[in-house]
C-alpha atoms as a PDB file:
ATOM      1  CA  MET A   1      16.549 -19.508   3.730  1.00  0.00           C
ATOM      2  CA  ASP A   2      13.244 -20.820   2.353  1.00  0.00           C
ATOM      3  CA  ALA A   3      11.747 -21.024   5.846  1.00  0.00           C
ATOM      4  CA  GLY A   4      12.757 -17.418   6.514  1.00  0.00           C
ATOM      5  CA  LEU A   5      11.197 -16.238   3.242  1.00  0.00           C
ATOM      6  CA  LEU A   6       8.025 -18.153   4.061  1.00  0.00           C
ATOM      7  CA  VAL A   7       7.744 -16.499   7.482  1.00  0.00           C
ATOM      8  CA  LEU A   8       8.466 -13.067   5.998  1.00  0.00           C
ATOM      9  CA  ARG A   9       5.914 -13.549   3.199  1.00  0.00           C
ATOM     10  CA  VAL A  10       3.177 -14.884   5.453  1.00  0.00           C
ATOM     11  CA  VAL A  11       3.532 -12.230   8.151  1.00  0.00           C
ATOM     12  CA  ALA A  12       3.910  -9.269   5.778  1.00  0.00           C
ATOM     13  CA  GLY A  13       1.277 -10.607   3.384  1.00  0.00           C
ATOM     14  CA  LEU A  14      -1.316 -11.159   6.102  1.00  0.00           C
ATOM     15  CA  LEU A  15      -0.628  -7.710   7.581  1.00  0.00           C
ATOM     16  CA  VAL A  16      -1.177  -6.071   4.185  1.00  0.00           C
ATOM     17  CA  THR A  17      -4.322  -8.182   3.728  1.00  0.00           C
ATOM     18  CA  GLY A  18      -5.616  -7.180   7.159  1.00  0.00           C
ATOM     19  CA  HIS A  19      -4.973  -3.533   6.376  1.00  0.00           C
ATOM     20  CA  GLY A  20      -7.219  -3.893   3.313  1.00  0.00           C
ATOM     21  CA  VAL A  21      -9.920  -5.820   5.176  1.00  0.00           C
ATOM     22  CA  GLN A  22     -10.135  -2.959   7.677  1.00  0.00           C
ATOM     23  CA  LYS A  23     -10.783  -0.492   4.838  1.00  0.00           C
ATOM     24  CA  VAL A  24     -13.873  -2.294   3.533  1.00  0.00           C
ATOM     25  CA  SER A  25     -15.386  -4.207   6.448  1.00  0.00           C
ATOM     26  CA  PHE A  26     -16.006  -4.280  10.178  1.00  0.00           C
ATOM     27  CA  ARG A  27     -13.520  -7.120  10.604  1.00  0.00           C
ATOM     28  CA  LEU A  28     -10.152  -6.719  12.331  1.00  0.00           C
ATOM     29  CA  GLY A  29     -11.216  -3.463  13.916  1.00  0.00           C
ATOM     30  CA  GLY A  30     -12.384  -1.869  10.653  1.00  0.00           C
ATOM     31  CA  HIS A  31     -15.209   0.634  10.484  1.00  0.00           C
ATOM     32  CA  GLY A  32     -16.899  -0.772   7.398  1.00  0.00           C
ATOM     33  CA  LEU A  33     -16.826   0.676   3.915  1.00  0.00           C
ATOM     34  CA  ALA A  34     -18.413   3.898   5.180  1.00  0.00           C
ATOM     35  CA  GLY A  35     -15.584   4.240   7.715  1.00  0.00           C
ATOM     36  CA  GLY A  36     -12.945   3.511   5.055  1.00  0.00           C
ATOM     37  CA  THR A  37     -14.555   6.075   2.772  1.00  0.00           C
ATOM     38  CA  GLU A  38     -14.535   8.689   5.523  1.00  0.00           C
ATOM     39  CA  GLU A  39     -10.896   7.883   6.337  1.00  0.00           C
ATOM     40  CA  PHE A  40      -9.870   8.587   2.745  1.00  0.00           C
ATOM     41  CA  ARG A  41     -11.873  11.802   2.630  1.00  0.00           C
ATOM     42  CA  HIS A  42     -10.347  12.898   5.949  1.00  0.00           C
ATOM     43  CA  ASP A  43      -6.883  12.146   4.559  1.00  0.00           C
ATOM     44  CA  GLY A  44      -7.541  14.452   1.600  1.00  0.00           C
ATOM     45  CA  PHE A  45      -8.449  11.997  -1.158  1.00  0.00           C
ATOM     46  CA  ARG A  46     -11.029  12.340  -3.892  1.00  0.00           C
ATOM     47  CA  GLY A  47     -13.237   9.431  -4.815  1.00  0.00           C
ATOM     48  CA  GLY A  48     -14.455   8.473  -1.373  1.00  0.00           C
ATOM     49  CA  ARG A  49     -16.162   5.087  -1.642  1.00  0.00           C
ATOM     50  CA  LEU A  50     -14.463   4.042  -4.894  1.00  0.00           C
ATOM     51  CA  THR A  51     -11.063   4.995  -3.497  1.00  0.00           C
ATOM     52  CA  ALA A  52     -11.702   2.932  -0.349  1.00  0.00           C
ATOM     53  CA  VAL A  53     -12.880  -0.098  -2.372  1.00  0.00           C
ATOM     54  CA  VAL A  54      -9.914   0.019  -4.767  1.00  0.00           C
ATOM     55  CA  ALA A  55      -7.385   0.551  -1.972  1.00  0.00           C
ATOM     56  CA  GLY A  56      -8.913  -2.196   0.167  1.00  0.00           C
ATOM     57  CA  ALA A  57      -9.128  -4.656  -2.732  1.00  0.00           C
ATOM     58  CA  SER A  58      -5.550  -3.862  -3.763  1.00  0.00           C
ATOM     59  CA  GLN A  59      -4.283  -4.488  -0.255  1.00  0.00           C
ATOM     60  CA  ILE A  60      -6.274  -7.689   0.134  1.00  0.00           C
ATOM     61  CA  GLY A  61      -5.173  -9.039  -3.250  1.00  0.00           C
ATOM     62  CA  ALA A  62      -1.539  -8.017  -2.883  1.00  0.00           C
ATOM     63  CA  GLY A  63      -1.388  -9.401   0.644  1.00  0.00           C
ATOM     64  CA  LEU A  64      -2.927 -12.761  -0.264  1.00  0.00           C
ATOM     65  CA  PHE A  65      -0.666 -13.138  -3.295  1.00  0.00           C
ATOM     66  CA  LEU A  66       2.402 -12.263  -1.198  1.00  0.00           C
ATOM     67  CA  THR A  67       1.316 -14.755   1.452  1.00  0.00           C
ATOM     68  CA  ALA A  68       0.997 -17.524  -1.127  1.00  0.00           C
ATOM     69  CA  GLY A  69       4.112 -16.485  -3.039  1.00  0.00           C
ATOM     70  CA  LEU A  70       2.046 -16.177  -6.219  1.00  0.00           C
ATOM     71  CA  LEU A  71       3.141 -13.717  -8.903  1.00  0.00           C
ATOM     72  CA  THR A  72       5.371 -12.300  -6.212  1.00  0.00           C
ATOM     73  CA  PRO A  73       6.790  -9.356  -8.182  1.00  0.00           C
ATOM     74  CA  LEU A  74       3.305  -8.094  -9.092  1.00  0.00           C
ATOM     75  CA  ALA A  75       2.052  -8.637  -5.544  1.00  0.00           C
ATOM     76  CA  ALA A  76       5.077  -6.791  -4.169  1.00  0.00           C
ATOM     77  CA  MET A  77       4.520  -3.937  -6.621  1.00  0.00           C
ATOM     78  CA  ALA A  78       0.872  -3.560  -5.576  1.00  0.00           C
ATOM     79  CA  ALA A  79       1.774  -3.730  -1.880  1.00  0.00           C
ATOM     80  CA  MET A  80       4.488  -1.107  -2.351  1.00  0.00           C
ATOM     81  CA  GLY A  81       2.043   1.128  -4.196  1.00  0.00           C
ATOM     82  CA  VAL A  82      -0.715   1.107  -1.583  1.00  0.00           C
ATOM     83  CA  MET A  83       1.692   1.322   1.331  1.00  0.00           C
ATOM     84  CA  THR A  84       3.506   4.237  -0.324  1.00  0.00           C
ATOM     85  CA  VAL A  85       0.165   6.046  -0.414  1.00  0.00           C
ATOM     86  CA  ALA A  86      -0.268   5.273   3.287  1.00  0.00           C
ATOM     87  CA  GLY A  87       3.231   6.613   3.918  1.00  0.00           C
ATOM     88  CA  THR A  88       2.402   9.890   2.180  1.00  0.00           C
ATOM     89  CA  VAL A  89      -0.574  10.357   4.481  1.00  0.00           C
ATOM     90  CA  LYS A  90       1.566   9.790   7.563  1.00  0.00           C
ATOM     91  CA  TRP A  91       4.650  11.673   6.293  1.00  0.00           C
ATOM     92  CA  PRO A  92       3.834  15.003   7.998  1.00  0.00           C
ATOM     93  CA  LYS A  93       3.755  13.235  11.383  1.00  0.00           C
ATOM     94  CA  GLY A  94       7.349  12.034  11.110  1.00  0.00           C
ATOM     95  CA  LEU A  95       8.860   8.569  11.062  1.00  0.00           C
ATOM     96  CA  TRP A  96       7.829   6.929  14.310  1.00  0.00           C
ATOM     97  CA  VAL A  97       4.589   4.998  14.638  1.00  0.00           C
ATOM     98  CA  GLN A  98       3.917   6.225  18.199  1.00  0.00           C
ATOM     99  CA  ASN A  99       3.288   9.635  16.605  1.00  0.00           C
ATOM    100  CA  ASP A 100       1.185   8.023  13.811  1.00  0.00           C
ATOM    101  CA  GLY A 101       4.214   8.321  11.540  1.00  0.00           C
ATOM    102  CA  TYR A 102       5.141   6.407   8.394  1.00  0.00           C
ATOM    103  CA  GLU A 103       7.348   3.751  10.042  1.00  0.00           C
ATOM    104  CA  TYR A 104       4.873   0.879   9.495  1.00  0.00           C
ATOM    105  CA  PRO A 105       4.104   1.616   5.812  1.00  0.00           C
ATOM    106  CA  LEU A 106       7.843   2.039   5.192  1.00  0.00           C
ATOM    107  CA  VAL A 107       8.604  -1.380   6.688  1.00  0.00           C
ATOM    108  CA  LEU A 108       5.972  -3.026   4.469  1.00  0.00           C
ATOM    109  CA  VAL A 109       7.342  -1.244   1.383  1.00  0.00           C
ATOM    110  CA  VAL A 110      10.888  -2.404   2.185  1.00  0.00           C
ATOM    111  CA  VAL A 111       9.799  -5.992   2.931  1.00  0.00           C
ATOM    112  CA  SER A 112       7.880  -6.078  -0.357  1.00  0.00           C
ATOM    113  CA  ALA A 113      10.955  -4.765  -2.203  1.00  0.00           C
ATOM    114  CA  ALA A 114      13.116  -7.416  -0.531  1.00  0.00           C
ATOM    115  CA  LEU A 115      10.698 -10.152  -1.589  1.00  0.00           C
ATOM    116  CA  ALA A 116      10.741  -8.829  -5.155  1.00  0.00           C
ATOM    117  CA  LEU A 117      14.547  -9.041  -5.111  1.00  0.00           C
ATOM    118  CA  THR A 118      14.931 -12.427  -3.401  1.00  0.00           C
ATOM    119  CA  GLY A 119      11.876 -14.151  -4.783  1.00  0.00           C
ATOM    120  CA  PRO A 120       9.355 -16.008  -2.659  1.00  0.00           C
ATOM    121  CA  GLY A 121      11.492 -19.065  -1.914  1.00  0.00           C
ATOM    122  CA  ALA A 122      10.924 -22.742  -2.591  1.00  0.00           C
ATOM    123  CA  TRP A 123       7.799 -22.946  -0.426  1.00  0.00           C
ATOM    124  CA  SER A 124       5.669 -20.807  -2.716  1.00  0.00           C
ATOM    125  CA  LEU A 125       3.173 -21.137  -5.527  1.00  0.00           C
ATOM    126  CA  ASP A 126       5.599 -19.360  -7.877  1.00  0.00           C
ATOM    127  CA  HIS A 127       8.125 -22.144  -7.259  1.00  0.00           C
ATOM    128  CA  ALA A 128       5.479 -24.874  -7.545  1.00  0.00           C
ATOM    129  CA  LEU A 129       4.351 -23.420 -10.887  1.00  0.00           C
ATOM    130  CA  GLY A 130       7.951 -23.168 -12.101  1.00  0.00           C
ATOM    131  CA  VAL A 131       7.881 -19.417 -12.720  1.00  0.00           C
ATOM    132  CA  THR A 132      10.879 -18.611 -10.513  1.00  0.00           C
ATOM    133  CA  PRO A 133      13.454 -17.202 -10.546  1.00  0.00           C
ATOM    134  CA  TRP A 134      12.237 -13.893 -11.911  1.00  0.00           C
ATOM    135  CA  PRO A 135      14.778 -11.883 -13.913  1.00  0.00           C
ATOM    136  CA  VAL A 136      16.561  -9.119 -11.983  1.00  0.00           C
ATOM    137  CA  TRP A 137      15.140  -6.459 -14.298  1.00  0.00           C
ATOM    138  CA  VAL A 138      11.627  -7.462 -13.176  1.00  0.00           C
ATOM    139  CA  ALA A 139      12.548  -6.838  -9.526  1.00  0.00           C
ATOM    140  CA  VAL A 140      14.143  -3.488 -10.364  1.00  0.00           C
ATOM    141  CA  ALA A 141      11.094  -2.431 -12.394  1.00  0.00           C
ATOM    142  CA  VAL A 142       8.792  -3.470  -9.545  1.00  0.00           C
ATOM    143  CA  ILE A 143      10.828  -1.510  -6.989  1.00  0.00           C
ATOM    144  CA  VAL A 144      10.563   1.615  -9.147  1.00  0.00           C
ATOM    145  CA  ILE A 145       6.981   1.231 -10.414  1.00  0.00           C
ATOM    146  CA  GLY A 146       5.411   0.234  -7.071  1.00  0.00           C
ATOM    147  CA  PRO A 147       6.297   3.359  -5.081  1.00  0.00           C
ATOM    148  CA  ALA A 148       6.001   5.573  -8.191  1.00  0.00           C
ATOM    149  CA  SER A 149       2.431   4.360  -8.710  1.00  0.00           C
ATOM    150  CA  GLY A 150       1.658   5.172  -5.080  1.00  0.00           C
ATOM    151  CA  LEU A 151       3.061   8.680  -5.437  1.00  0.00           C
ATOM    152  CA  LEU A 152       1.151   9.188  -8.696  1.00  0.00           C
ATOM    153  CA  THR A 153      -2.042   7.955  -7.036  1.00  0.00           C
ATOM    154  CA  ARG A 154      -1.552  10.429  -4.216  1.00  0.00           C
ATOM    155  CA  LEU A 155      -0.927  13.243  -6.694  1.00  0.00           C
ATOM    156  CA  VAL A 156      -3.980  12.436  -8.823  1.00  0.00           C
ATOM    157  CA  LEU A 157      -6.414  11.752  -5.975  1.00  0.00           C
ATOM    158  CA  HIS A 158      -5.299  14.487  -3.571  1.00  0.00           C
ATOM    159  CA  ARG A 159      -7.742  17.305  -3.206  1.00  0.00           C
ATOM    160  CA  PRO A 160      -6.671  20.697  -1.929  1.00  0.00           C
ATOM    161  CA  ALA A 161      -7.763  21.685   1.538  1.00  0.00           C
ATOM    162  CA  PRO A 162     -10.904  23.833   1.489  1.00  0.00           C
ATOM    163  CA  ALA A 163     -10.397  27.563   1.872  1.00  0.00           C
ATOM    164  CA  PRO A 164     -11.345  28.944   5.288  1.00  0.00           C
ATOM    165  CA  GLU A 165     -14.878  30.309   5.392  1.00  0.00           C
ATOM    166  CA  GLY A 166     -15.178  33.968   4.498  1.00  0.00           C
ATOM    167  CA  LYS A 167     -11.923  33.911   2.524  1.00  0.00           C
ATOM    168  CA  THR A 168     -11.931  34.401  -1.229  1.00  0.00           C
ATOM    169  CA  HIS A 169      -9.149  34.329  -3.712  1.00  0.00           C
ATOM    170  CA  ALA A 170      -6.810  37.279  -3.302  1.00  0.00           C
ATOM    171  CA  GLN A 171      -7.545  40.105  -5.661  1.00  0.00           C
ATOM    172  CA  PRO A 172      -4.588  41.597  -7.497  1.00  0.00           C
ATOM    173  CA  ALA A 173      -3.564  45.075  -6.374  1.00  0.00           C
ATOM    174  CA  ASP A 174      -4.229  47.947  -8.787  1.00  0.00           C
END
């Protein structure tokens, strides 16, 4: 079981990390911070550069902590939050990734939730530091707070689509 948790943590953690690296650099096929900023603006977010930096840093940190099995519930919560935001962007395109759907973010949210529930296993920094097992209530809180924080982020940072040119607000009829 510990070997399976290690493989799951390392693969999912490095994928989340890579997702963040792409947001803020030219590595791993990223388009640099300017490209990450433009991606967020295109996806309807306020904040531009700051949003890209925070999202990228959150993904990098969460991914590295998941990989190491360090503070696993907090890492899982952060990963679930940022990947929930990604899922909201892809939601209108449906589930399947071939249509740019939310399949991939959903898988990372579910894997993060599973790691919060199971713990990181014996081959982790949490275990080496003696902070495992985490109480069940911590895992439940993480599974609720992670996605909820992503949905709240989307709600707060979403900007309405601009009105078509030449259109003004409708005037009430007399």
